Amino acid sequence: MKSSTDTPFPDQRVTQDRRSHPTSFMSILKFGGRRKRFRRKGEERDQYVDLPSTRSIALTFVIFALSTLDAFFTINHLRNGASELNPLMQPIIQSGLQPLFIIKSLGIGLIACFLAIHQNFKISFYGLHASAAIYIVLLAYHLACSYLFQVM
């Protein structure tokens, strides 16, 4: 009886085993991987995967949509005589409403994409969830202010 090491073709791999090195940050830009999660215990933290999870994608879209609504409501409130509460946005508002919209919607959307790529890092995981929660509260604030502007 022959052992498995006596076979004429012991290792026929043409490419290097992908598990020999961890997945890099840039792998998300390749559009070639399928891995959304880890199979082995202990691998699930501080590592990259090929594709973001469904939860991360959903949170990214929620954050982008709510930040776009925040930009629309902010512009509407500014036209009705309100002032911006965020002191970091004051110089951007003074430069015009278009830069305000771009930074509040697209800028925050890109930051959410960056957090989604880093979904398995603890700070990014909490950052995605906290950002979505903050924008939900902010949208409720905008809706309340819009209601009060109409009543007055």
C-alpha atoms as a PDB file:
ATOM      1  CA  MET A   1       0.000   0.000   0.000  1.00  0.00           C
ATOM      2  CA  LYS A   2       1.324   3.400  -0.981  1.00  0.00           C
ATOM      3  CA  SER A   3       1.295   6.395   1.304  1.00  0.00           C
ATOM      4  CA  SER A   4       0.006   9.784   0.164  1.00  0.00           C
ATOM      5  CA  THR A   5       3.556  11.115  -0.125  1.00  0.00           C
ATOM      6  CA  ASP A   6       4.434   8.519  -2.756  1.00  0.00           C
ATOM      7  CA  THR A   7       2.004   9.957  -5.322  1.00  0.00           C
ATOM      8  CA  PRO A   8       3.597  11.245  -8.539  1.00  0.00           C
ATOM      9  CA  PHE A   9       1.883  14.677  -8.167  1.00  0.00           C
ATOM     10  CA  PRO A  10       2.222  15.734  -4.518  1.00  0.00           C
ATOM     11  CA  ASP A  11       1.246  19.407  -5.004  1.00  0.00           C
ATOM     12  CA  GLN A  12      -0.182  20.635  -8.274  1.00  0.00           C
ATOM     13  CA  ARG A  13      -1.003  24.190  -7.260  1.00  0.00           C
ATOM     14  CA  VAL A  14      -0.096  26.727  -9.899  1.00  0.00           C
ATOM     15  CA  THR A  15      -0.718  29.809  -7.772  1.00  0.00           C
ATOM     16  CA  GLN A  16       0.371  30.524  -4.250  1.00  0.00           C
ATOM     17  CA  ASP A  17      -2.080  29.660  -1.487  1.00  0.00           C
ATOM     18  CA  ARG A  18      -4.004  32.863  -0.646  1.00  0.00           C
ATOM     19  CA  ARG A  19      -4.134  31.925   3.019  1.00  0.00           C
ATOM     20  CA  SER A  20      -0.367  32.248   3.355  1.00  0.00           C
ATOM     21  CA  HIS A  21      -0.748  36.019   3.897  1.00  0.00           C
ATOM     22  CA  PRO A  22      -3.662  38.085   5.266  1.00  0.00           C
ATOM     23  CA  THR A  23      -6.070  39.935   2.995  1.00  0.00           C
ATOM     24  CA  SER A  24      -4.887  43.488   2.379  1.00  0.00           C
ATOM     25  CA  PHE A  25      -6.800  46.759   2.589  1.00  0.00           C
ATOM     26  CA  MET A  26      -6.642  47.149  -1.203  1.00  0.00           C
ATOM     27  CA  SER A  27      -8.383  43.807  -1.857  1.00  0.00           C
ATOM     28  CA  ILE A  28     -11.772  45.532  -1.681  1.00  0.00           C
ATOM     29  CA  LEU A  29     -10.849  47.486  -4.823  1.00  0.00           C
ATOM     30  CA  LYS A  30     -10.056  44.371  -6.892  1.00  0.00           C
ATOM     31  CA  PHE A  31     -13.678  43.199  -7.295  1.00  0.00           C
ATOM     32  CA  GLY A  32     -12.473  39.610  -7.467  1.00  0.00           C
ATOM     33  CA  GLY A  33     -12.984  38.105  -4.040  1.00  0.00           C
ATOM     34  CA  ARG A  34     -15.978  36.406  -2.541  1.00  0.00           C
ATOM     35  CA  ARG A  35     -15.152  36.297   1.139  1.00  0.00           C
ATOM     36  CA  LYS A  36     -17.512  38.332   3.330  1.00  0.00           C
ATOM     37  CA  ARG A  37     -16.658  36.732   6.663  1.00  0.00           C
ATOM     38  CA  PHE A  38     -14.151  34.463   8.336  1.00  0.00           C
ATOM     39  CA  ARG A  39     -14.500  30.718   8.756  1.00  0.00           C
ATOM     40  CA  ARG A  40     -12.030  30.116  11.537  1.00  0.00           C
ATOM     41  CA  LYS A  41     -12.460  31.166  15.136  1.00  0.00           C
ATOM     42  CA  GLY A  42     -10.137  33.966  16.176  1.00  0.00           C
ATOM     43  CA  GLU A  43      -9.812  35.500  12.690  1.00  0.00           C
ATOM     44  CA  GLU A  44     -12.824  37.776  12.896  1.00  0.00           C
ATOM     45  CA  ARG A  45     -11.184  40.870  14.422  1.00  0.00           C
ATOM     46  CA  ASP A  46      -8.783  43.384  12.896  1.00  0.00           C
ATOM     47  CA  GLN A  47      -8.650  41.630   9.512  1.00  0.00           C
ATOM     48  CA  TYR A  48      -9.914  42.583   6.060  1.00  0.00           C
ATOM     49  CA  VAL A  49     -12.304  40.645   3.858  1.00  0.00           C
ATOM     50  CA  ASP A  50     -12.917  40.829   0.112  1.00  0.00           C
ATOM     51  CA  LEU A  51     -16.464  42.211   0.341  1.00  0.00           C
ATOM     52  CA  PRO A  52     -18.254  44.228   3.020  1.00  0.00           C
ATOM     53  CA  SER A  53     -21.114  42.504   4.815  1.00  0.00           C
ATOM     54  CA  THR A  54     -24.736  43.233   4.007  1.00  0.00           C
ATOM     55  CA  ARG A  55     -25.076  45.080   7.323  1.00  0.00           C
ATOM     56  CA  SER A  56     -22.120  47.358   6.532  1.00  0.00           C
ATOM     57  CA  ILE A  57     -23.470  48.128   3.062  1.00  0.00           C
ATOM     58  CA  ALA A  58     -26.925  48.894   4.480  1.00  0.00           C
ATOM     59  CA  LEU A  59     -25.486  51.157   7.182  1.00  0.00           C
ATOM     60  CA  THR A  60     -23.366  52.951   4.568  1.00  0.00           C
ATOM     61  CA  PHE A  61     -26.437  53.657   2.431  1.00  0.00           C
ATOM     62  CA  VAL A  62     -28.422  54.781   5.490  1.00  0.00           C
ATOM     63  CA  ILE A  63     -25.649  57.172   6.528  1.00  0.00           C
ATOM     64  CA  PHE A  64     -25.326  58.540   2.981  1.00  0.00           C
ATOM     65  CA  ALA A  65     -29.100  59.029   2.619  1.00  0.00           C
ATOM     66  CA  LEU A  66     -29.460  60.668   6.020  1.00  0.00           C
ATOM     67  CA  SER A  67     -26.460  62.944   5.458  1.00  0.00           C
ATOM     68  CA  THR A  68     -27.976  64.024   2.128  1.00  0.00           C
ATOM     69  CA  LEU A  69     -31.272  64.764   3.893  1.00  0.00           C
ATOM     70  CA  ASP A  70     -29.298  66.653   6.537  1.00  0.00           C
ATOM     71  CA  ALA A  71     -27.777  68.804   3.782  1.00  0.00           C
ATOM     72  CA  PHE A  72     -31.199  69.537   2.261  1.00  0.00           C
ATOM     73  CA  PHE A  73     -32.739  70.395   5.623  1.00  0.00           C
ATOM     74  CA  THR A  74     -29.749  72.554   6.588  1.00  0.00           C
ATOM     75  CA  ILE A  75     -30.009  74.562   3.370  1.00  0.00           C
ATOM     76  CA  ASN A  76     -33.773  74.909   3.893  1.00  0.00           C
ATOM     77  CA  HIS A  77     -33.323  76.084   7.480  1.00  0.00           C
ATOM     78  CA  LEU A  78     -30.604  78.556   6.496  1.00  0.00           C
ATOM     79  CA  ARG A  79     -32.938  80.073   3.903  1.00  0.00           C
ATOM     80  CA  ASN A  80     -35.598  80.447   6.613  1.00  0.00           C
ATOM     81  CA  GLY A  81     -33.268  82.431   8.847  1.00  0.00           C
ATOM     82  CA  ALA A  82     -31.748  79.737  11.046  1.00  0.00           C
ATOM     83  CA  SER A  83     -28.040  79.452  11.772  1.00  0.00           C
ATOM     84  CA  GLU A  84     -25.691  76.472  11.674  1.00  0.00           C
ATOM     85  CA  LEU A  85     -24.919  75.031  15.113  1.00  0.00           C
ATOM     86  CA  ASN A  86     -21.722  73.293  13.982  1.00  0.00           C
ATOM     87  CA  PRO A  87     -18.818  75.796  14.170  1.00  0.00           C
ATOM     88  CA  LEU A  88     -16.739  73.715  11.728  1.00  0.00           C
ATOM     89  CA  MET A  89     -19.362  74.210   9.015  1.00  0.00           C
ATOM     90  CA  GLN A  90     -19.507  78.036   9.321  1.00  0.00           C
ATOM     91  CA  PRO A  91     -16.617  78.707   6.859  1.00  0.00           C
ATOM     92  CA  ILE A  92     -18.083  76.208   4.408  1.00  0.00           C
ATOM     93  CA  ILE A  93     -21.508  77.885   4.581  1.00  0.00           C
ATOM     94  CA  GLN A  94     -19.914  81.266   3.932  1.00  0.00           C
ATOM     95  CA  SER A  95     -18.282  79.886   0.772  1.00  0.00           C
ATOM     96  CA  GLY A  96     -21.659  78.820  -0.636  1.00  0.00           C
ATOM     97  CA  LEU A  97     -24.418  76.254  -0.453  1.00  0.00           C
ATOM     98  CA  GLN A  98     -22.972  73.932  -3.096  1.00  0.00           C
ATOM     99  CA  PRO A  99     -19.797  73.153  -1.092  1.00  0.00           C
ATOM    100  CA  LEU A 100     -22.027  72.641   1.953  1.00  0.00           C
ATOM    101  CA  PHE A 101     -24.099  70.061   0.085  1.00  0.00           C
ATOM    102  CA  ILE A 102     -21.042  68.301  -1.338  1.00  0.00           C
ATOM    103  CA  ILE A 103     -19.270  68.027   2.004  1.00  0.00           C
ATOM    104  CA  LYS A 104     -22.358  67.041   3.997  1.00  0.00           C
ATOM    105  CA  SER A 105     -23.569  64.386   1.574  1.00  0.00           C
ATOM    106  CA  LEU A 106     -20.671  63.081  -0.507  1.00  0.00           C
ATOM    107  CA  GLY A 107     -17.982  63.674   2.100  1.00  0.00           C
ATOM    108  CA  ILE A 108     -19.867  61.814   4.806  1.00  0.00           C
ATOM    109  CA  GLY A 109     -20.765  59.083   2.299  1.00  0.00           C
ATOM    110  CA  LEU A 110     -17.086  58.520   1.499  1.00  0.00           C
ATOM    111  CA  ILE A 111     -16.233  58.380   5.185  1.00  0.00           C
ATOM    112  CA  ALA A 112     -18.981  55.777   5.659  1.00  0.00           C
ATOM    113  CA  CYS A 113     -17.485  53.744   2.773  1.00  0.00           C
ATOM    114  CA  PHE A 114     -14.096  53.891   4.471  1.00  0.00           C
ATOM    115  CA  LEU A 115     -15.669  52.619   7.693  1.00  0.00           C
ATOM    116  CA  ALA A 116     -17.426  49.811   5.792  1.00  0.00           C
ATOM    117  CA  ILE A 117     -14.123  48.643   4.321  1.00  0.00           C
ATOM    118  CA  HIS A 118     -12.751  48.426   7.862  1.00  0.00           C
ATOM    119  CA  GLN A 119     -15.876  46.676   9.183  1.00  0.00           C
ATOM    120  CA  ASN A 120     -13.986  44.043  11.186  1.00  0.00           C
ATOM    121  CA  PHE A 121     -12.062  46.611  13.193  1.00  0.00           C
ATOM    122  CA  LYS A 122     -13.852  47.372  16.449  1.00  0.00           C
ATOM    123  CA  ILE A 123     -13.645  51.180  16.192  1.00  0.00           C
ATOM    124  CA  SER A 124     -15.022  51.130  12.650  1.00  0.00           C
ATOM    125  CA  PHE A 125     -17.853  48.778  13.602  1.00  0.00           C
ATOM    126  CA  TYR A 126     -18.910  51.116  16.400  1.00  0.00           C
ATOM    127  CA  GLY A 127     -18.336  54.162  14.173  1.00  0.00           C
ATOM    128  CA  LEU A 128     -20.783  52.916  11.532  1.00  0.00           C
ATOM    129  CA  HIS A 129     -23.493  52.204  14.097  1.00  0.00           C
ATOM    130  CA  ALA A 130     -22.936  55.433  16.028  1.00  0.00           C
ATOM    131  CA  SER A 131     -22.972  57.517  12.821  1.00  0.00           C
ATOM    132  CA  ALA A 132     -26.262  55.982  11.738  1.00  0.00           C
ATOM    133  CA  ALA A 133     -27.775  56.602  15.186  1.00  0.00           C
ATOM    134  CA  ILE A 134     -26.546  60.218  15.249  1.00  0.00           C
ATOM    135  CA  TYR A 135     -28.004  60.907  11.802  1.00  0.00           C
ATOM    136  CA  ILE A 136     -31.351  59.383  12.823  1.00  0.00           C
ATOM    137  CA  VAL A 137     -31.495  61.723  15.834  1.00  0.00           C
ATOM    138  CA  LEU A 138     -30.394  64.644  13.628  1.00  0.00           C
ATOM    139  CA  LEU A 139     -33.124  63.865  11.097  1.00  0.00           C
ATOM    140  CA  ALA A 140     -35.712  63.849  13.922  1.00  0.00           C
ATOM    141  CA  TYR A 141     -34.368  67.265  15.005  1.00  0.00           C
ATOM    142  CA  HIS A 142     -34.668  68.616  11.442  1.00  0.00           C
ATOM    143  CA  LEU A 143     -38.223  67.311  11.132  1.00  0.00           C
ATOM    144  CA  ALA A 144     -39.176  68.924  14.444  1.00  0.00           C
ATOM    145  CA  CYS A 145     -37.621  72.242  13.355  1.00  0.00           C
ATOM    146  CA  SER A 146     -39.422  72.079  10.005  1.00  0.00           C
ATOM    147  CA  TYR A 147     -42.708  71.508  11.792  1.00  0.00           C
ATOM    148  CA  LEU A 148     -42.056  74.473  14.105  1.00  0.00           C
ATOM    149  CA  PHE A 149     -41.160  76.728  11.155  1.00  0.00           C
ATOM    150  CA  GLN A 150     -44.479  75.882   9.496  1.00  0.00           C
ATOM    151  CA  VAL A 151     -46.507  76.435  12.683  1.00  0.00           C
ATOM    152  CA  MET A 152     -45.024  79.869  13.358  1.00  0.00           C
END
